[in-house]
Structures are given as C-alpha cells and as structure tokens.
C-alpha cells in the first residue's frame, strides 16, 4: 500500500477525544492534475468507534467509519491542474470526527499541534 500524504490520529487524552491535526494540508497534485491520487490516512487510536465526516466535493464517500485500532483512508477527488509554470498549492482537508461511546455521540476536539509545557 502506498504511503499516505498525511496521517491524522484520533486519540483519547485524559477522557477527552482529540484529532491531531485538526485540519490536514496535503501537498501535491491529484490524478486529474497529472499526479497520483492524494491520500489522507485516519488512524483511530481511541477506545471507541469513530466516524470521520467530510464536506461535499472533497471525496467520496462523505464519511468513513473506523473501529478502534483500525485505519481509514481518504482519497481526494480530482482537482483542476495548476498552470504548468507553478507548483501545485496545498490542498486543505477539513473534517469532523464523531465518537460513538455506548449510546452517546461525542464530537472530538481538533488540535493544531503538541502543547509546550515549561516547568519552572
């Protein structure tokens, strides 16, 4: 299986479900732009099943269910090719993650990066 262009992790930190990173910037060209399909891999490292939801026009299907410890992969739809003289801009993929915990649905919080803790 080819390497993903971006990995996204769904984790449980202290009882709070988080998505790292909150959005995925994917660099390169889609197949319609003359390149290979761009892929984003979602890894569920949480203790419950999740569903990743996407806005329309980014991919099909518009949601991916992922069991705990499993991986789901998103292949971006073809985008228009950039002018030949310029480099392809990054594609920004937005998503929402819903965690299914028993009879409860929990929206995961997006994180932009690791926290820096300074102990005096």
N, C-alpha and C. Protein backbone atom coordinates (compact mmCIF):
# COMPACT_ATOMS: atom_id res chain seq x y z
N UNK A 1 0.85 -1.18 0.00
CA UNK A 1 0.00 0.00 0.00
C UNK A 1 0.89 1.24 0.00
N UNK A 2 0.62 2.21 -0.88
CA UNK A 2 1.44 3.41 -0.91
C UNK A 2 1.31 4.22 0.36
N UNK A 3 2.35 4.93 0.68
CA UNK A 3 2.37 5.79 1.87
C UNK A 3 1.36 6.91 1.70
N UNK A 4 0.69 7.27 2.79
CA UNK A 4 -0.28 8.36 2.76
C UNK A 4 0.46 9.69 2.67
N UNK A 5 -0.20 10.69 2.10
CA UNK A 5 0.39 12.02 2.02
C UNK A 5 0.27 12.75 3.34
N UNK A 6 -0.65 12.29 4.20
CA UNK A 6 -0.85 12.91 5.50
C UNK A 6 -1.50 11.89 6.43
N UNK A 7 -1.03 11.80 7.67
CA UNK A 7 -1.64 10.94 8.68
C UNK A 7 -2.36 11.79 9.70
N UNK A 8 -3.56 11.36 10.10
CA UNK A 8 -4.35 12.03 11.11
C UNK A 8 -4.66 11.00 12.18
N UNK A 9 -4.51 11.39 13.44
CA UNK A 9 -4.73 10.47 14.56
C UNK A 9 -5.92 10.91 15.38
N UNK A 10 -6.76 9.94 15.78
CA UNK A 10 -7.85 10.18 16.71
C UNK A 10 -7.45 9.49 18.01
N UNK A 11 -7.34 10.28 19.10
CA UNK A 11 -6.83 9.75 20.36
C UNK A 11 -7.74 10.14 21.52
N UNK A 12 -7.58 9.42 22.64
CA UNK A 12 -8.28 9.74 23.88
C UNK A 12 -7.22 10.19 24.87
N UNK A 13 -7.26 11.46 25.24
CA UNK A 13 -6.28 12.02 26.17
C UNK A 13 -7.03 12.46 27.43
N UNK A 14 -6.84 11.71 28.51
CA UNK A 14 -7.49 12.05 29.77
C UNK A 14 -9.01 12.06 29.69
N UNK A 15 -9.59 11.18 28.89
CA UNK A 15 -11.04 11.12 28.76
C UNK A 15 -11.62 12.07 27.73
N UNK A 16 -10.77 12.86 27.07
CA UNK A 16 -11.23 13.78 26.03
C UNK A 16 -10.74 13.28 24.68
N UNK A 17 -11.65 13.20 23.71
CA UNK A 17 -11.29 12.72 22.38
C UNK A 17 -10.75 13.88 21.54
N UNK A 18 -9.61 13.63 20.90
CA UNK A 18 -8.94 14.68 20.13
C UNK A 18 -8.52 14.16 18.76
N UNK A 19 -8.41 15.10 17.82
CA UNK A 19 -7.97 14.80 16.47
C UNK A 19 -6.69 15.60 16.22
N UNK A 20 -5.63 14.89 15.80
CA UNK A 20 -4.32 15.53 15.56
C UNK A 20 -3.87 15.22 14.15
N UNK A 21 -3.71 16.19 13.30
CA UNK A 21 -4.01 17.62 13.40
C UNK A 21 -5.50 17.89 13.13
N UNK A 22 -5.91 19.10 13.47
CA UNK A 22 -7.32 19.48 13.31
C UNK A 22 -7.71 19.59 11.84
N UNK A 23 -6.81 20.00 10.98
CA UNK A 23 -7.01 20.00 9.54
C UNK A 23 -5.76 19.42 8.90
N UNK A 24 -5.89 18.87 7.71
CA UNK A 24 -4.75 18.26 7.03
C UNK A 24 -4.43 19.04 5.78
N UNK A 25 -3.21 19.55 5.69
CA UNK A 25 -2.74 20.20 4.46
C UNK A 25 -1.96 19.15 3.68
N UNK A 26 -2.39 18.89 2.46
CA UNK A 26 -1.79 17.85 1.63
C UNK A 26 -1.18 18.51 0.41
N UNK A 27 0.11 18.30 0.20
CA UNK A 27 0.84 18.93 -0.90
C UNK A 27 0.98 17.95 -2.05
N UNK A 28 0.78 18.43 -3.25
CA UNK A 28 0.96 17.60 -4.44
C UNK A 28 -0.17 17.80 -5.41
N UNK A 29 -0.22 16.95 -6.42
CA UNK A 29 -1.27 17.03 -7.43
C UNK A 29 -2.15 15.80 -7.36
N UNK A 30 -3.44 16.00 -7.61
CA UNK A 30 -4.34 14.85 -7.71
C UNK A 30 -4.18 14.24 -9.09
N UNK A 31 -4.81 13.10 -9.31
CA UNK A 31 -4.69 12.39 -10.58
C UNK A 31 -5.12 13.27 -11.75
N UNK A 32 -6.16 14.09 -11.55
CA UNK A 32 -6.62 14.98 -12.61
C UNK A 32 -5.59 16.04 -12.98
N UNK A 33 -4.66 16.33 -12.06
CA UNK A 33 -3.59 17.29 -12.32
C UNK A 33 -2.35 16.62 -12.86
N UNK A 34 -2.44 15.35 -13.23
CA UNK A 34 -1.30 14.66 -13.81
C UNK A 34 -0.50 13.86 -12.80
N UNK A 35 -0.86 13.91 -11.53
CA UNK A 35 -0.12 13.18 -10.50
C UNK A 35 -0.90 11.96 -10.03
N UNK A 36 -0.43 11.35 -8.97
CA UNK A 36 -1.14 10.21 -8.39
C UNK A 36 -2.21 10.74 -7.43
N UNK A 37 -3.19 9.92 -7.08
CA UNK A 37 -4.22 10.39 -6.14
C UNK A 37 -3.61 10.76 -4.80
N UNK A 38 -4.06 11.86 -4.21
CA UNK A 38 -3.60 12.27 -2.89
C UNK A 38 -4.41 11.52 -1.84
N UNK A 39 -3.72 11.05 -0.79
CA UNK A 39 -4.38 10.25 0.24
C UNK A 39 -4.13 10.81 1.63
N UNK A 40 -5.15 10.71 2.47
CA UNK A 40 -5.05 11.05 3.88
C UNK A 40 -5.45 9.80 4.64
N UNK A 41 -4.62 9.40 5.61
CA UNK A 41 -4.89 8.20 6.40
C UNK A 41 -5.33 8.62 7.80
N UNK A 42 -6.48 8.10 8.25
CA UNK A 42 -7.02 8.38 9.58
C UNK A 42 -6.80 7.16 10.45
N UNK A 43 -6.09 7.33 11.57
CA UNK A 43 -5.78 6.22 12.47
C UNK A 43 -6.53 6.40 13.78
N UNK A 44 -7.39 5.44 14.10
CA UNK A 44 -8.20 5.51 15.32
C UNK A 44 -7.42 4.84 16.45
N UNK A 45 -6.76 5.65 17.28
CA UNK A 45 -6.03 5.15 18.44
C UNK A 45 -6.86 5.32 19.71
N UNK A 46 -8.14 5.65 19.55
CA UNK A 46 -9.04 5.83 20.70
C UNK A 46 -9.65 4.49 21.08
N UNK A 47 -10.44 4.49 22.15
CA UNK A 47 -11.03 3.27 22.67
C UNK A 47 -12.47 3.04 22.21
N UNK A 48 -12.91 3.77 21.20
CA UNK A 48 -14.29 3.66 20.73
C UNK A 48 -14.34 3.85 19.21
N UNK A 49 -15.39 3.35 18.56
CA UNK A 49 -15.54 3.57 17.13
C UNK A 49 -15.75 5.06 16.82
N UNK A 50 -15.25 5.50 15.68
CA UNK A 50 -15.42 6.89 15.26
C UNK A 50 -15.96 6.93 13.84
N UNK A 51 -16.54 8.06 13.49
CA UNK A 51 -16.95 8.34 12.12
C UNK A 51 -16.33 9.67 11.73
N UNK A 52 -15.60 9.68 10.63
CA UNK A 52 -14.99 10.91 10.13
C UNK A 52 -15.90 11.45 9.03
N UNK A 53 -16.32 12.71 9.17
CA UNK A 53 -17.23 13.35 8.22
C UNK A 53 -16.48 14.40 7.42
N UNK A 54 -16.78 14.49 6.12
CA UNK A 54 -16.11 15.43 5.23
C UNK A 54 -17.14 16.32 4.55
N UNK A 55 -16.75 17.58 4.22
CA UNK A 55 -17.65 18.42 3.44
C UNK A 55 -17.77 17.88 2.01
N UNK A 56 -18.84 18.21 1.33
CA UNK A 56 -19.03 17.70 -0.03
C UNK A 56 -17.97 18.27 -0.97
N UNK A 57 -17.65 17.51 -2.00
CA UNK A 57 -16.71 17.96 -3.02
C UNK A 57 -15.27 17.60 -2.75
N UNK A 58 -14.97 17.03 -1.58
CA UNK A 58 -13.59 16.67 -1.27
C UNK A 58 -13.31 15.21 -1.63
N UNK A 59 -14.26 14.35 -1.32
CA UNK A 59 -14.04 12.92 -1.54
C UNK A 59 -15.38 12.21 -1.62
N UNK A 60 -15.34 10.97 -2.03
CA UNK A 60 -16.50 10.09 -1.90
C UNK A 60 -16.01 8.81 -1.27
N UNK A 61 -16.65 8.26 -0.28
CA UNK A 61 -17.89 8.73 0.34
C UNK A 61 -17.64 9.94 1.23
N UNK A 62 -18.72 10.52 1.76
CA UNK A 62 -18.58 11.73 2.57
C UNK A 62 -18.33 11.42 4.04
N UNK A 63 -18.25 10.13 4.39
CA UNK A 63 -17.91 9.75 5.77
C UNK A 63 -17.19 8.40 5.76
N UNK A 64 -16.37 8.18 6.78
CA UNK A 64 -15.64 6.93 6.92
C UNK A 64 -15.79 6.45 8.36
N UNK A 65 -16.41 5.28 8.59
CA UNK A 65 -16.44 4.72 9.95
C UNK A 65 -15.13 3.96 10.21
N UNK A 66 -14.57 4.12 11.41
CA UNK A 66 -13.30 3.46 11.75
C UNK A 66 -13.42 2.87 13.15
N UNK A 67 -13.19 1.57 13.27
CA UNK A 67 -13.20 0.89 14.56
C UNK A 67 -11.93 1.20 15.34
N UNK A 68 -11.94 0.99 16.67
CA UNK A 68 -10.74 1.23 17.48
C UNK A 68 -9.56 0.39 16.98
N UNK A 69 -8.39 1.02 16.90
CA UNK A 69 -7.18 0.34 16.46
C UNK A 69 -7.08 0.14 14.96
N UNK A 70 -8.03 0.64 14.20
CA UNK A 70 -8.03 0.47 12.74
C UNK A 70 -7.70 1.78 12.04
N UNK A 71 -7.50 1.68 10.73
CA UNK A 71 -7.15 2.83 9.90
C UNK A 71 -8.15 2.97 8.77
N UNK A 72 -8.51 4.20 8.46
CA UNK A 72 -9.35 4.50 7.30
C UNK A 72 -8.58 5.42 6.37
N UNK A 73 -8.80 5.26 5.08
CA UNK A 73 -8.04 6.07 4.12
C UNK A 73 -8.99 6.87 3.25
N UNK A 74 -8.63 8.10 2.99
CA UNK A 74 -9.40 9.02 2.16
C UNK A 74 -8.59 9.32 0.91
N UNK A 75 -9.20 9.17 -0.24
CA UNK A 75 -8.56 9.55 -1.50
C UNK A 75 -9.28 10.79 -2.01
N UNK A 76 -8.52 11.88 -2.19
CA UNK A 76 -9.13 13.15 -2.60
C UNK A 76 -9.61 13.07 -4.04
N UNK A 77 -10.72 13.77 -4.31
CA UNK A 77 -11.24 13.84 -5.67
C UNK A 77 -10.27 14.63 -6.55
N UNK A 78 -10.36 14.41 -7.85
CA UNK A 78 -9.50 15.14 -8.78
C UNK A 78 -9.79 16.63 -8.71
N UNK A 79 -8.72 17.40 -8.68
CA UNK A 79 -8.82 18.85 -8.65
C UNK A 79 -8.23 19.40 -9.94
N UNK A 80 -8.59 20.60 -10.35
CA UNK A 80 -8.05 21.15 -11.58
C UNK A 80 -6.53 21.25 -11.52
N UNK A 81 -5.88 21.00 -12.62
CA UNK A 81 -4.42 21.08 -12.69
C UNK A 81 -3.99 22.54 -12.58
N UNK A 82 -2.90 22.83 -11.84
CA UNK A 82 -2.40 24.20 -11.77
C UNK A 82 -1.67 24.54 -13.07
N UNK A 83 -1.43 25.82 -13.33
CA UNK A 83 -0.66 26.19 -14.52
C UNK A 83 0.70 25.49 -14.49
N UNK A 84 1.21 25.13 -15.64
CA UNK A 84 2.44 24.34 -15.75
C UNK A 84 3.64 25.01 -15.08
N UNK A 85 3.66 26.34 -15.05
CA UNK A 85 4.83 27.05 -14.54
C UNK A 85 4.84 27.15 -13.01
N UNK A 86 3.74 26.80 -12.37
CA UNK A 86 3.69 26.96 -10.92
C UNK A 86 3.56 25.60 -10.24
N UNK A 87 3.95 25.57 -8.99
CA UNK A 87 3.83 24.36 -8.18
C UNK A 87 2.39 24.24 -7.68
N UNK A 88 1.92 23.03 -7.55
CA UNK A 88 0.56 22.81 -7.07
C UNK A 88 0.43 23.31 -5.63
N UNK A 89 -0.62 24.07 -5.33
CA UNK A 89 -0.82 24.53 -3.95
C UNK A 89 -1.25 23.37 -3.07
N UNK A 90 -1.09 23.54 -1.77
CA UNK A 90 -1.52 22.51 -0.82
C UNK A 90 -3.05 22.44 -0.82
N UNK A 91 -3.56 21.24 -0.71
CA UNK A 91 -4.99 21.03 -0.57
C UNK A 91 -5.27 20.92 0.92
N UNK A 92 -6.19 21.71 1.41
CA UNK A 92 -6.54 21.68 2.83
C UNK A 92 -7.81 20.86 3.00
N UNK A 93 -7.70 19.79 3.79
CA UNK A 93 -8.83 18.90 4.03
C UNK A 93 -9.38 19.18 5.42
N UNK A 94 -10.66 19.52 5.47
CA UNK A 94 -11.31 19.73 6.77
C UNK A 94 -12.20 18.53 7.04
N UNK A 95 -12.41 18.24 8.31
CA UNK A 95 -13.22 17.09 8.69
C UNK A 95 -13.71 17.27 10.11
N UNK A 96 -14.72 16.49 10.46
CA UNK A 96 -15.22 16.41 11.83
C UNK A 96 -15.18 14.95 12.22
N UNK A 97 -14.90 14.69 13.49
CA UNK A 97 -14.85 13.31 13.98
C UNK A 97 -15.86 13.16 15.10
N UNK A 98 -16.73 12.17 14.95
CA UNK A 98 -17.73 11.87 15.96
C UNK A 98 -17.39 10.51 16.56
N UNK A 99 -17.34 10.46 17.90
CA UNK A 99 -17.01 9.24 18.62
C UNK A 99 -18.30 8.62 19.13
N UNK A 100 -18.45 7.32 18.91
CA UNK A 100 -19.62 6.59 19.39
C UNK A 100 -19.25 5.85 20.67
N UNK A 101 -19.72 6.38 21.79
CA UNK A 101 -19.38 5.80 23.11
C UNK A 101 -20.67 5.31 23.75
N UNK A 102 -20.96 4.01 23.58
CA UNK A 102 -22.22 3.46 24.09
C UNK A 102 -23.39 4.06 23.32
N UNK A 103 -24.30 4.72 24.03
CA UNK A 103 -25.44 5.38 23.39
C UNK A 103 -25.18 6.86 23.17
N UNK A 104 -23.98 7.30 23.46
CA UNK A 104 -23.62 8.72 23.39
C UNK A 104 -22.76 9.00 22.15
N UNK A 105 -23.00 10.16 21.54
CA UNK A 105 -22.16 10.64 20.43
C UNK A 105 -21.36 11.83 20.94
N UNK A 106 -20.05 11.78 20.76
CA UNK A 106 -19.17 12.84 21.26
C UNK A 106 -18.38 13.42 20.09
N UNK A 107 -18.37 14.73 19.98
CA UNK A 107 -17.57 15.40 18.95
C UNK A 107 -16.14 15.53 19.45
N UNK A 108 -15.18 15.02 18.67
CA UNK A 108 -13.77 15.12 19.05
C UNK A 108 -13.28 16.55 18.84
N UNK A 109 -12.36 16.98 19.68
CA UNK A 109 -11.77 18.32 19.62
C UNK A 109 -10.55 18.29 18.71
N UNK A 110 -10.42 19.27 17.85
CA UNK A 110 -9.26 19.34 16.96
C UNK A 110 -8.08 19.99 17.64
N UNK A 111 -6.89 19.46 17.39
CA UNK A 111 -5.66 20.03 17.92
C UNK A 111 -4.78 20.48 16.76
N UNK A 112 -4.09 21.57 16.95
CA UNK A 112 -3.23 22.06 15.88
C UNK A 112 -1.80 21.59 16.03
N UNK A 113 -1.44 21.11 17.19
CA UNK A 113 -0.07 20.64 17.40
C UNK A 113 0.15 20.30 18.84
N UNK A 114 1.33 19.83 19.15
CA UNK A 114 1.62 19.47 20.53
C UNK A 114 1.66 20.70 21.44
N UNK A 115 1.35 20.47 22.69
CA UNK A 115 1.41 21.56 23.68
C UNK A 115 2.80 21.62 24.26
N UNK A 116 3.25 22.81 24.52
CA UNK A 116 4.56 23.02 25.11
C UNK A 116 4.36 23.31 26.60
N UNK A 117 4.94 22.49 27.45
CA UNK A 117 4.81 22.69 28.89
C UNK A 117 6.17 23.06 29.44
N UNK A 118 6.24 24.19 30.11
CA UNK A 118 7.51 24.64 30.68
C UNK A 118 7.37 24.61 32.19
N UNK A 119 8.21 23.83 32.83
CA UNK A 119 8.17 23.70 34.29
C UNK A 119 9.28 24.58 34.87
N UNK A 120 8.89 25.59 35.69
CA UNK A 120 9.93 26.50 36.20
C UNK A 120 10.86 25.84 37.19
